[in-house]
Amino acid sequence: PIIVMSAMFDVPRAATALQALGVRACLAKPFDIENLLSLVSEF
């Protein structure tokens, strides 16, 4: 499971390309630590 965290690109616009790589979730920086921990526990 790959969770992408980035401030370098527009995460929603890149979603299709990320899904092709099997990325399970995307978080835009700055991100909420609780959201990250929730995703990690999910996967």
All heavy atoms as atom14 arrays in JSON, in Angstrom:
{
  "sequence": "PIIVMSAMFDVPRAATALQALGVRACLAKPFDIENLLSLVSEF",
  "atom14_mask": [
    [1, 1, 1, 1, 1, 1, 1, 0, 0, 0, 0, 0, 0, 0],
    [1, 1, 1, 1, 1, 1, 1, 1, 0, 0, 0, 0, 0, 0],
    [1, 1, 1, 1, 1, 1, 1, 1, 0, 0, 0, 0, 0, 0],
    [1, 1, 1, 1, 1, 1, 1, 0, 0, 0, 0, 0, 0, 0],
    [1, 1, 1, 1, 1, 1, 1, 1, 0, 0, 0, 0, 0, 0],
    [1, 1, 1, 1, 1, 1, 0, 0, 0, 0, 0, 0, 0, 0],
    [1, 1, 1, 1, 1, 0, 0, 0, 0, 0, 0, 0, 0, 0],
    [1, 1, 1, 1, 1, 1, 1, 1, 0, 0, 0, 0, 0, 0],
    [1, 1, 1, 1, 1, 1, 1, 1, 1, 1, 1, 0, 0, 0],
    [1, 1, 1, 1, 1, 1, 1, 1, 0, 0, 0, 0, 0, 0],
    [1, 1, 1, 1, 1, 1, 1, 0, 0, 0, 0, 0, 0, 0],
    [1, 1, 1, 1, 1, 1, 1, 0, 0, 0, 0, 0, 0, 0],
    [1, 1, 1, 1, 1, 1, 1, 1, 1, 1, 1, 0, 0, 0],
    [1, 1, 1, 1, 1, 0, 0, 0, 0, 0, 0, 0, 0, 0],
    [1, 1, 1, 1, 1, 0, 0, 0, 0, 0, 0, 0, 0, 0],
    [1, 1, 1, 1, 1, 1, 1, 0, 0, 0, 0, 0, 0, 0],
    [1, 1, 1, 1, 1, 0, 0, 0, 0, 0, 0, 0, 0, 0],
    [1, 1, 1, 1, 1, 1, 1, 1, 0, 0, 0, 0, 0, 0],
    [1, 1, 1, 1, 1, 1, 1, 1, 1, 0, 0, 0, 0, 0],
    [1, 1, 1, 1, 1, 0, 0, 0, 0, 0, 0, 0, 0, 0],
    [1, 1, 1, 1, 1, 1, 1, 1, 0, 0, 0, 0, 0, 0],
    [1, 1, 1, 1, 0, 0, 0, 0, 0, 0, 0, 0, 0, 0],
    [1, 1, 1, 1, 1, 1, 1, 0, 0, 0, 0, 0, 0, 0],
    [1, 1, 1, 1, 1, 1, 1, 1, 1, 1, 1, 0, 0, 0],
    [1, 1, 1, 1, 1, 0, 0, 0, 0, 0, 0, 0, 0, 0],
    [1, 1, 1, 1, 1, 1, 0, 0, 0, 0, 0, 0, 0, 0],
    [1, 1, 1, 1, 1, 1, 1, 1, 0, 0, 0, 0, 0, 0],
    [1, 1, 1, 1, 1, 0, 0, 0, 0, 0, 0, 0, 0, 0],
    [1, 1, 1, 1, 1, 1, 1, 1, 1, 0, 0, 0, 0, 0],
    [1, 1, 1, 1, 1, 1, 1, 0, 0, 0, 0, 0, 0, 0],
    [1, 1, 1, 1, 1, 1, 1, 1, 1, 1, 1, 0, 0, 0],
    [1, 1, 1, 1, 1, 1, 1, 1, 0, 0, 0, 0, 0, 0],
    [1, 1, 1, 1, 1, 1, 1, 1, 0, 0, 0, 0, 0, 0],
    [1, 1, 1, 1, 1, 1, 1, 1, 1, 0, 0, 0, 0, 0],
    [1, 1, 1, 1, 1, 1, 1, 1, 0, 0, 0, 0, 0, 0],
    [1, 1, 1, 1, 1, 1, 1, 1, 0, 0, 0, 0, 0, 0],
    [1, 1, 1, 1, 1, 1, 1, 1, 0, 0, 0, 0, 0, 0],
    [1, 1, 1, 1, 1, 1, 0, 0, 0, 0, 0, 0, 0, 0],
    [1, 1, 1, 1, 1, 1, 1, 1, 0, 0, 0, 0, 0, 0],
    [1, 1, 1, 1, 1, 1, 1, 0, 0, 0, 0, 0, 0, 0],
    [1, 1, 1, 1, 1, 1, 0, 0, 0, 0, 0, 0, 0, 0],
    [1, 1, 1, 1, 1, 1, 1, 1, 1, 0, 0, 0, 0, 0],
    [1, 1, 1, 1, 1, 1, 1, 1, 1, 1, 1, 0, 0, 0]
  ],
  "atom14_positions": [
    [[0.83, -1.2, 0.0], [0.0, 0.0, 0.0], [0.88, 1.26, 0.0], [1.75, 1.4, 0.84], [-0.8, -0.09, 1.3], [-0.58, -1.45, 1.82], [0.67, -1.98, 1.22], [0.0, 0.0, 0.0], [0.0, 0.0, 0.0], [0.0, 0.0, 0.0], [0.0, 0.0, 0.0], [0.0, 0.0, 0.0], [0.0, 0.0, 0.0], [0.0, 0.0, 0.0]],
    [[0.64, 2.13, -0.96], [1.38, 3.38, -1.03], [0.42, 4.53, -0.75], [-0.64, 4.62, -1.35], [2.03, 3.58, -2.42], [3.07, 2.48, -2.67], [2.67, 4.96, -2.52], [3.66, 2.51, -4.06], [0.0, 0.0, 0.0], [0.0, 0.0, 0.0], [0.0, 0.0, 0.0], [0.0, 0.0, 0.0], [0.0, 0.0, 0.0], [0.0, 0.0, 0.0]],
    [[0.82, 5.38, 0.19], [0.08, 6.6, 0.5], [0.97, 7.76, 0.07], [2.09, 7.89, 0.54], [-0.25, 6.71, 2.0], [-1.11, 5.53, 2.45], [-0.94, 8.05, 2.3], [-1.3, 5.44, 3.95], [0.0, 0.0, 0.0], [0.0, 0.0, 0.0], [0.0, 0.0, 0.0], [0.0, 0.0, 0.0], [0.0, 0.0, 0.0], [0.0, 0.0, 0.0]],
    [[0.48, 8.58, -0.83], [1.25, 9.72, -1.34], [0.96, 10.95, -0.5], [-0.19, 11.25, -0.21], [0.87, 10.0, -2.82], [1.48, 11.31, -3.29], [1.32, 8.85, -3.69], [0.0, 0.0, 0.0], [0.0, 0.0, 0.0], [0.0, 0.0, 0.0], [0.0, 0.0, 0.0], [0.0, 0.0, 0.0], [0.0, 0.0, 0.0], [0.0, 0.0, 0.0]],
    [[2.04, 11.64, -0.11], [1.94, 12.92, 0.57], [2.77, 13.91, -0.23], [3.96, 13.68, -0.42], [2.48, 12.81, 1.99], [1.66, 11.89, 2.86], [2.41, 11.61, 4.46], [3.65, 10.4, 4.02], [0.0, 0.0, 0.0], [0.0, 0.0, 0.0], [0.0, 0.0, 0.0], [0.0, 0.0, 0.0], [0.0, 0.0, 0.0], [0.0, 0.0, 0.0]],
    [[2.15, 14.97, -0.72], [2.89, 15.9, -1.56], [2.33, 17.31, -1.49], [1.13, 17.5, -1.36], [2.87, 15.42, -3.01], [3.61, 16.3, -3.81], [0.0, 0.0, 0.0], [0.0, 0.0, 0.0], [0.0, 0.0, 0.0], [0.0, 0.0, 0.0], [0.0, 0.0, 0.0], [0.0, 0.0, 0.0], [0.0, 0.0, 0.0], [0.0, 0.0, 0.0]],
    [[3.24, 18.25, -1.6], [2.86, 19.66, -1.75], [3.25, 20.13, -3.15], [3.04, 21.27, -3.5], [3.58, 20.51, -0.71], [0.0, 0.0, 0.0], [0.0, 0.0, 0.0], [0.0, 0.0, 0.0], [0.0, 0.0, 0.0], [0.0, 0.0, 0.0], [0.0, 0.0, 0.0], [0.0, 0.0, 0.0], [0.0, 0.0, 0.0], [0.0, 0.0, 0.0]],
    [[3.81, 19.21, -3.96], [4.38, 19.58, -5.24], [3.4, 19.55, -6.41], [3.7, 20.04, -7.46], [5.56, 18.67, -5.56], [6.68, 18.76, -4.55], [7.33, 20.43, -4.38], [8.05, 20.66, -5.98], [0.0, 0.0, 0.0], [0.0, 0.0, 0.0], [0.0, 0.0, 0.0], [0.0, 0.0, 0.0], [0.0, 0.0, 0.0], [0.0, 0.0, 0.0]],
    [[2.26, 18.91, -6.26], [1.33, 18.84, -7.37], [-0.1, 18.83, -6.85], [-0.34, 18.63, -5.67], [1.59, 17.61, -8.25], [1.42, 16.29, -7.54], [0.21, 15.63, -7.55], [2.47, 15.71, -6.86], [0.04, 14.43, -6.91], [2.32, 14.5, -6.21], [1.1, 13.86, -6.24], [0.0, 0.0, 0.0], [0.0, 0.0, 0.0], [0.0, 0.0, 0.0]],
    [[-1.01, 19.02, -7.73], [-2.43, 19.01, -7.4], [-2.88, 17.56, -7.27], [-3.07, 16.87, -8.27], [-3.18, 19.73, -8.51], [-4.67, 19.84, -8.24], [-5.15, 19.27, -7.25], [-5.34, 20.51, -9.04], [0.0, 0.0, 0.0], [0.0, 0.0, 0.0], [0.0, 0.0, 0.0], [0.0, 0.0, 0.0], [0.0, 0.0, 0.0], [0.0, 0.0, 0.0]],
    [[-3.02, 17.09, -6.06], [-3.33, 15.67, -5.81], [-4.59, 15.21, -6.55], [-4.55, 14.18, -7.22], [-3.42, 15.39, -4.29], [-3.91, 13.98, -4.03], [-2.07, 15.6, -3.64], [0.0, 0.0, 0.0], [0.0, 0.0, 0.0], [0.0, 0.0, 0.0], [0.0, 0.0, 0.0], [0.0, 0.0, 0.0], [0.0, 0.0, 0.0], [0.0, 0.0, 0.0]],
    [[-5.7, 15.94, -6.47], [-6.88, 15.44, -7.19], [-6.67, 15.29, -8.7], [-7.15, 14.32, -9.3], [-7.95, 16.5, -6.9], [-7.51, 17.11, -5.61], [-6.0, 17.11, -5.67], [0.0, 0.0, 0.0], [0.0, 0.0, 0.0], [0.0, 0.0, 0.0], [0.0, 0.0, 0.0], [0.0, 0.0, 0.0], [0.0, 0.0, 0.0], [0.0, 0.0, 0.0]],
    [[-5.94, 16.2, -9.32], [-5.7, 16.1, -10.77], [-4.79, 14.93, -11.11], [-4.85, 14.37, -12.2], [-5.09, 17.39, -11.3], [-6.09, 18.52, -11.36], [-5.52, 19.74, -12.02], [-5.04, 19.42, -13.36], [-4.11, 20.09, -14.0], [-3.52, 21.11, -13.42], [-3.74, 19.75, -15.21], [0.0, 0.0, 0.0], [0.0, 0.0, 0.0], [0.0, 0.0, 0.0]],
    [[-3.92, 14.54, -10.19], [-2.98, 13.45, -10.43], [-3.56, 12.09, -10.06], [-2.92, 11.08, -10.24], [-1.69, 13.69, -9.65], [0.0, 0.0, 0.0], [0.0, 0.0, 0.0], [0.0, 0.0, 0.0], [0.0, 0.0, 0.0], [0.0, 0.0, 0.0], [0.0, 0.0, 0.0], [0.0, 0.0, 0.0], [0.0, 0.0, 0.0], [0.0, 0.0, 0.0]],
    [[-4.78, 12.07, -9.56], [-5.37, 10.84, -9.04], [-5.37, 9.69, -10.05], [-5.08, 8.55, -9.69], [-6.79, 11.1, -8.54], [0.0, 0.0, 0.0], [0.0, 0.0, 0.0], [0.0, 0.0, 0.0], [0.0, 0.0, 0.0], [0.0, 0.0, 0.0], [0.0, 0.0, 0.0], [0.0, 0.0, 0.0], [0.0, 0.0, 0.0], [0.0, 0.0, 0.0]],
    [[-5.66, 9.96, -11.3], [-5.7, 8.9, -12.31], [-4.33, 8.25, -12.48], [-4.21, 7.03, -12.48], [-6.19, 9.44, -13.66], [-7.49, 10.01, -13.46], [-6.27, 8.35, -14.69], [0.0, 0.0, 0.0], [0.0, 0.0, 0.0], [0.0, 0.0, 0.0], [0.0, 0.0, 0.0], [0.0, 0.0, 0.0], [0.0, 0.0, 0.0], [0.0, 0.0, 0.0]],
    [[-3.3, 9.06, -12.6], [-1.95, 8.53, -12.75], [-1.52, 7.77, -11.5], [-0.89, 6.71, -11.59], [-0.96, 9.66, -13.03], [0.0, 0.0, 0.0], [0.0, 0.0, 0.0], [0.0, 0.0, 0.0], [0.0, 0.0, 0.0], [0.0, 0.0, 0.0], [0.0, 0.0, 0.0], [0.0, 0.0, 0.0], [0.0, 0.0, 0.0], [0.0, 0.0, 0.0]],
    [[-1.9, 8.28, -10.35], [-1.55, 7.61, -9.1], [-2.26, 6.27, -8.98], [-1.68, 5.28, -8.55], [-1.88, 8.51, -7.91], [-1.06, 9.79, -7.82], [-1.64, 10.71, -6.75], [0.4, 9.48, -7.54], [0.0, 0.0, 0.0], [0.0, 0.0, 0.0], [0.0, 0.0, 0.0], [0.0, 0.0, 0.0], [0.0, 0.0, 0.0], [0.0, 0.0, 0.0]],
    [[-3.52, 6.22, -9.37], [-4.26, 4.96, -9.32], [-3.63, 3.92, -10.24], [-3.61, 2.74, -9.91], [-5.73, 5.19, -9.68], [-6.5, 5.88, -8.59], [-7.93, 6.19, -9.01], [-8.31, 6.03, -10.15], [-8.73, 6.63, -8.04], [0.0, 0.0, 0.0], [0.0, 0.0, 0.0], [0.0, 0.0, 0.0], [0.0, 0.0, 0.0], [0.0, 0.0, 0.0]],
    [[-3.11, 4.34, -11.36], [-2.44, 3.42, -12.29], [-1.21, 2.79, -11.63], [-0.84, 1.67, -11.99], [-2.05, 4.14, -13.57], [0.0, 0.0, 0.0], [0.0, 0.0, 0.0], [0.0, 0.0, 0.0], [0.0, 0.0, 0.0], [0.0, 0.0, 0.0], [0.0, 0.0, 0.0], [0.0, 0.0, 0.0], [0.0, 0.0, 0.0], [0.0, 0.0, 0.0]],
    [[-0.6, 3.48, -10.69], [0.55, 2.95, -9.96], [0.12, 2.16, -8.73], [0.97, 1.66, -8.0], [1.48, 4.09, -9.53], [2.24, 4.78, -10.65], [2.99, 5.98, -10.08], [3.2, 3.82, -11.31], [0.0, 0.0, 0.0], [0.0, 0.0, 0.0], [0.0, 0.0, 0.0], [0.0, 0.0, 0.0], [0.0, 0.0, 0.0], [0.0, 0.0, 0.0]],
    [[-1.17, 2.08, -8.49], [-1.65, 1.34, -7.34], [-1.58, 2.11, -6.04], [-1.59, 1.53, -4.97], [0.0, 0.0, 0.0], [0.0, 0.0, 0.0], [0.0, 0.0, 0.0], [0.0, 0.0, 0.0], [0.0, 0.0, 0.0], [0.0, 0.0, 0.0], [0.0, 0.0, 0.0], [0.0, 0.0, 0.0], [0.0, 0.0, 0.0], [0.0, 0.0, 0.0]],
    [[-1.52, 3.43, -6.14], [-1.51, 4.26, -4.94], [-2.88, 4.16, -4.28], [-3.9, 4.29, -4.94], [-1.15, 5.73, -5.28], [-1.35, 6.64, -4.09], [0.28, 5.8, -5.79], [0.0, 0.0, 0.0], [0.0, 0.0, 0.0], [0.0, 0.0, 0.0], [0.0, 0.0, 0.0], [0.0, 0.0, 0.0], [0.0, 0.0, 0.0], [0.0, 0.0, 0.0]],
    [[-2.89, 3.9, -2.99], [-4.14, 3.68, -2.28], [-4.78, 4.95, -1.76], [-5.99, 5.0, -1.58], [-3.91, 2.73, -1.1], [-3.29, 1.41, -1.48], [-4.34, 0.42, -2.01], [-3.74, -0.79, -2.48], [-3.41, -1.83, -1.73], [-3.62, -1.79, -0.43], [-2.87, -2.89, -2.26], [0.0, 0.0, 0.0], [0.0, 0.0, 0.0], [0.0, 0.0, 0.0]],
    [[-3.96, 5.97, -1.47], [-4.51, 7.21, -0.93], [-3.54, 8.36, -1.19], [-2.35, 8.14, -1.39], [-4.76, 7.08, 0.57], [0.0, 0.0, 0.0], [0.0, 0.0, 0.0], [0.0, 0.0, 0.0], [0.0, 0.0, 0.0], [0.0, 0.0, 0.0], [0.0, 0.0, 0.0], [0.0, 0.0, 0.0], [0.0, 0.0, 0.0], [0.0, 0.0, 0.0]],
    [[-4.08, 9.57, -1.19], [-3.29, 10.78, -1.42], [-3.61, 11.79, -0.33], [-4.78, 12.0, -0.01], [-3.63, 11.4, -2.77], [-3.43, 10.32, -4.16], [0.0, 0.0, 0.0], [0.0, 0.0, 0.0], [0.0, 0.0, 0.0], [0.0, 0.0, 0.0], [0.0, 0.0, 0.0], [0.0, 0.0, 0.0], [0.0, 0.0, 0.0], [0.0, 0.0, 0.0]],
    [[-2.58, 12.41, 0.19], [-2.74, 13.48, 1.15], [-1.95, 14.69, 0.65], [-0.78, 14.56, 0.3], [-2.19, 13.08, 2.53], [-2.93, 11.97, 3.27], [-2.16, 11.6, 4.54], [-4.32, 12.42, 3.62], [0.0, 0.0, 0.0], [0.0, 0.0, 0.0], [0.0, 0.0, 0.0], [0.0, 0.0, 0.0], [0.0, 0.0, 0.0], [0.0, 0.0, 0.0]],
    [[-2.6, 15.82, 0.62], [-1.91, 17.06, 0.25], [-1.26, 17.65, 1.5], [-1.85, 17.63, 2.58], [-2.91, 18.04, -0.34], [0.0, 0.0, 0.0], [0.0, 0.0, 0.0], [0.0, 0.0, 0.0], [0.0, 0.0, 0.0], [0.0, 0.0, 0.0], [0.0, 0.0, 0.0], [0.0, 0.0, 0.0], [0.0, 0.0, 0.0], [0.0, 0.0, 0.0]],
    [[-0.02, 18.11, 1.35], [0.65, 18.78, 2.46], [0.2, 20.22, 2.53], [0.0, 20.83, 1.49], [2.17, 18.73, 2.25], [2.75, 17.36, 2.37], [4.25, 17.44, 2.17], [4.9, 16.09, 2.19], [6.35, 16.18, 1.95], [0.0, 0.0, 0.0], [0.0, 0.0, 0.0], [0.0, 0.0, 0.0], [0.0, 0.0, 0.0], [0.0, 0.0, 0.0]],
    [[0.07, 20.77, 3.71], [0.21, 20.09, 4.99], [-0.99, 19.17, 5.23], [-2.11, 19.47, 4.81], [0.23, 21.22, 6.0], [-0.51, 22.34, 5.34], [-0.28, 22.17, 3.86], [0.0, 0.0, 0.0], [0.0, 0.0, 0.0], [0.0, 0.0, 0.0], [0.0, 0.0, 0.0], [0.0, 0.0, 0.0], [0.0, 0.0, 0.0], [0.0, 0.0, 0.0]],
    [[-0.74, 18.05, 5.87], [-1.8, 17.08, 6.12], [-2.03, 16.96, 7.62], [-1.17, 17.31, 8.43], [-1.46, 15.72, 5.51], [-0.18, 15.13, 6.04], [-0.19, 14.34, 7.18], [1.02, 15.37, 5.41], [0.98, 13.81, 7.67], [2.2, 14.84, 5.89], [2.18, 14.05, 7.03], [0.0, 0.0, 0.0], [0.0, 0.0, 0.0], [0.0, 0.0, 0.0]],
    [[-3.18, 16.45, 7.96], [-3.55, 16.23, 9.35], [-3.0, 14.87, 9.78], [-3.26, 13.86, 9.12], [-5.07, 16.28, 9.49], [-5.53, 16.06, 10.9], [-5.36, 16.97, 11.73], [-6.04, 14.94, 11.17], [0.0, 0.0, 0.0], [0.0, 0.0, 0.0], [0.0, 0.0, 0.0], [0.0, 0.0, 0.0], [0.0, 0.0, 0.0], [0.0, 0.0, 0.0]],
    [[-2.27, 14.83, 10.87], [-1.65, 13.59, 11.33], [-2.7, 12.51, 11.63], [-2.47, 11.32, 11.4], [-0.71, 13.83, 12.53], [0.14, 12.59, 12.82], [-1.52, 14.22, 13.77], [1.15, 12.28, 11.79], [0.0, 0.0, 0.0], [0.0, 0.0, 0.0], [0.0, 0.0, 0.0], [0.0, 0.0, 0.0], [0.0, 0.0, 0.0], [0.0, 0.0, 0.0]],
    [[-3.85, 12.93, 12.11], [-4.91, 11.94, 12.4], [-5.4, 11.27, 11.11], [-5.68, 10.08, 11.1], [-6.07, 12.6, 13.15], [-5.7, 13.06, 14.55], [-5.2, 11.93, 15.45], [-5.74, 10.8, 15.37], [-4.26, 12.17, 16.23], [0.0, 0.0, 0.0], [0.0, 0.0, 0.0], [0.0, 0.0, 0.0], [0.0, 0.0, 0.0], [0.0, 0.0, 0.0]],
    [[-5.48, 12.04, 10.03], [-5.86, 11.44, 8.74], [-4.82, 10.43, 8.28], [-5.16, 9.35, 7.79], [-6.03, 12.52, 7.66], [-7.26, 13.35, 7.86], [-8.16, 12.98, 8.62], [-7.31, 14.47, 7.2], [0.0, 0.0, 0.0], [0.0, 0.0, 0.0], [0.0, 0.0, 0.0], [0.0, 0.0, 0.0], [0.0, 0.0, 0.0], [0.0, 0.0, 0.0]],
    [[-3.54, 10.77, 8.43], [-2.47, 9.85, 8.05], [-2.53, 8.57, 8.89], [-2.48, 7.47, 8.35], [-1.1, 10.51, 8.2], [0.1, 9.58, 7.97], [0.1, 9.0, 6.56], [1.39, 10.32, 8.26], [0.0, 0.0, 0.0], [0.0, 0.0, 0.0], [0.0, 0.0, 0.0], [0.0, 0.0, 0.0], [0.0, 0.0, 0.0], [0.0, 0.0, 0.0]],
    [[-2.65, 8.72, 10.18], [-2.72, 7.54, 11.06], [-3.92, 6.67, 10.74], [-3.84, 5.44, 10.78], [-2.73, 7.97, 12.53], [-1.43, 8.63, 13.02], [-1.6, 9.14, 14.44], [-0.26, 7.69, 12.9], [0.0, 0.0, 0.0], [0.0, 0.0, 0.0], [0.0, 0.0, 0.0], [0.0, 0.0, 0.0], [0.0, 0.0, 0.0], [0.0, 0.0, 0.0]],
    [[-5.03, 7.28, 10.42], [-6.23, 6.54, 10.03], [-5.98, 5.73, 8.77], [-6.36, 4.55, 8.68], [-7.39, 7.5, 9.85], [-8.53, 6.82, 9.38], [0.0, 0.0, 0.0], [0.0, 0.0, 0.0], [0.0, 0.0, 0.0], [0.0, 0.0, 0.0], [0.0, 0.0, 0.0], [0.0, 0.0, 0.0], [0.0, 0.0, 0.0], [0.0, 0.0, 0.0]],
    [[-5.34, 6.34, 7.77], [-5.04, 5.63, 6.52], [-4.06, 4.49, 6.77], [-4.24, 3.39, 6.23], [-4.46, 6.58, 5.49], [-5.47, 7.54, 4.86], [-4.74, 8.6, 4.05], [-6.43, 6.78, 3.97], [0.0, 0.0, 0.0], [0.0, 0.0, 0.0], [0.0, 0.0, 0.0], [0.0, 0.0, 0.0], [0.0, 0.0, 0.0], [0.0, 0.0, 0.0]],
    [[-3.04, 4.74, 7.56], [-2.06, 3.69, 7.86], [-2.75, 2.51, 8.54], [-2.51, 1.36, 8.16], [-0.9, 4.24, 8.71], [-0.02, 3.12, 9.24], [-0.07, 5.23, 7.9], [0.0, 0.0, 0.0], [0.0, 0.0, 0.0], [0.0, 0.0, 0.0], [0.0, 0.0, 0.0], [0.0, 0.0, 0.0], [0.0, 0.0, 0.0], [0.0, 0.0, 0.0]],
    [[-3.6, 2.77, 9.51], [-4.28, 1.66, 10.19], [-5.24, 0.94, 9.24], [-5.44, -0.26, 9.36], [-5.02, 2.16, 11.43], [-6.08, 3.0, 11.09], [0.0, 0.0, 0.0], [0.0, 0.0, 0.0], [0.0, 0.0, 0.0], [0.0, 0.0, 0.0], [0.0, 0.0, 0.0], [0.0, 0.0, 0.0], [0.0, 0.0, 0.0], [0.0, 0.0, 0.0]],
    [[-5.81, 1.65, 8.3], [-6.71, 1.05, 7.32], [-5.98, 0.03, 6.45], [-6.52, -1.01, 6.09], [-7.34, 2.13, 6.46], [-8.31, 1.64, 5.43], [-8.89, 2.76, 4.6], [-8.94, 3.9, 5.06], [-9.28, 2.47, 3.45], [0.0, 0.0, 0.0], [0.0, 0.0, 0.0], [0.0, 0.0, 0.0], [0.0, 0.0, 0.0], [0.0, 0.0, 0.0]],
    [[-4.75, 0.33, 6.07], [-4.0, -0.51, 5.15], [-3.03, -1.47, 5.84], [-2.4, -2.28, 5.19], [-3.24, 0.34, 4.13], [-4.14, 1.17, 3.28], [-4.04, 2.54, 3.27], [-5.12, 0.59, 2.49], [-4.87, 3.32, 2.5], [-5.97, 1.35, 1.71], [-5.84, 2.72, 1.73], [0.0, 0.0, 0.0], [0.0, 0.0, 0.0], [0.0, 0.0, 0.0]]
  ]
}
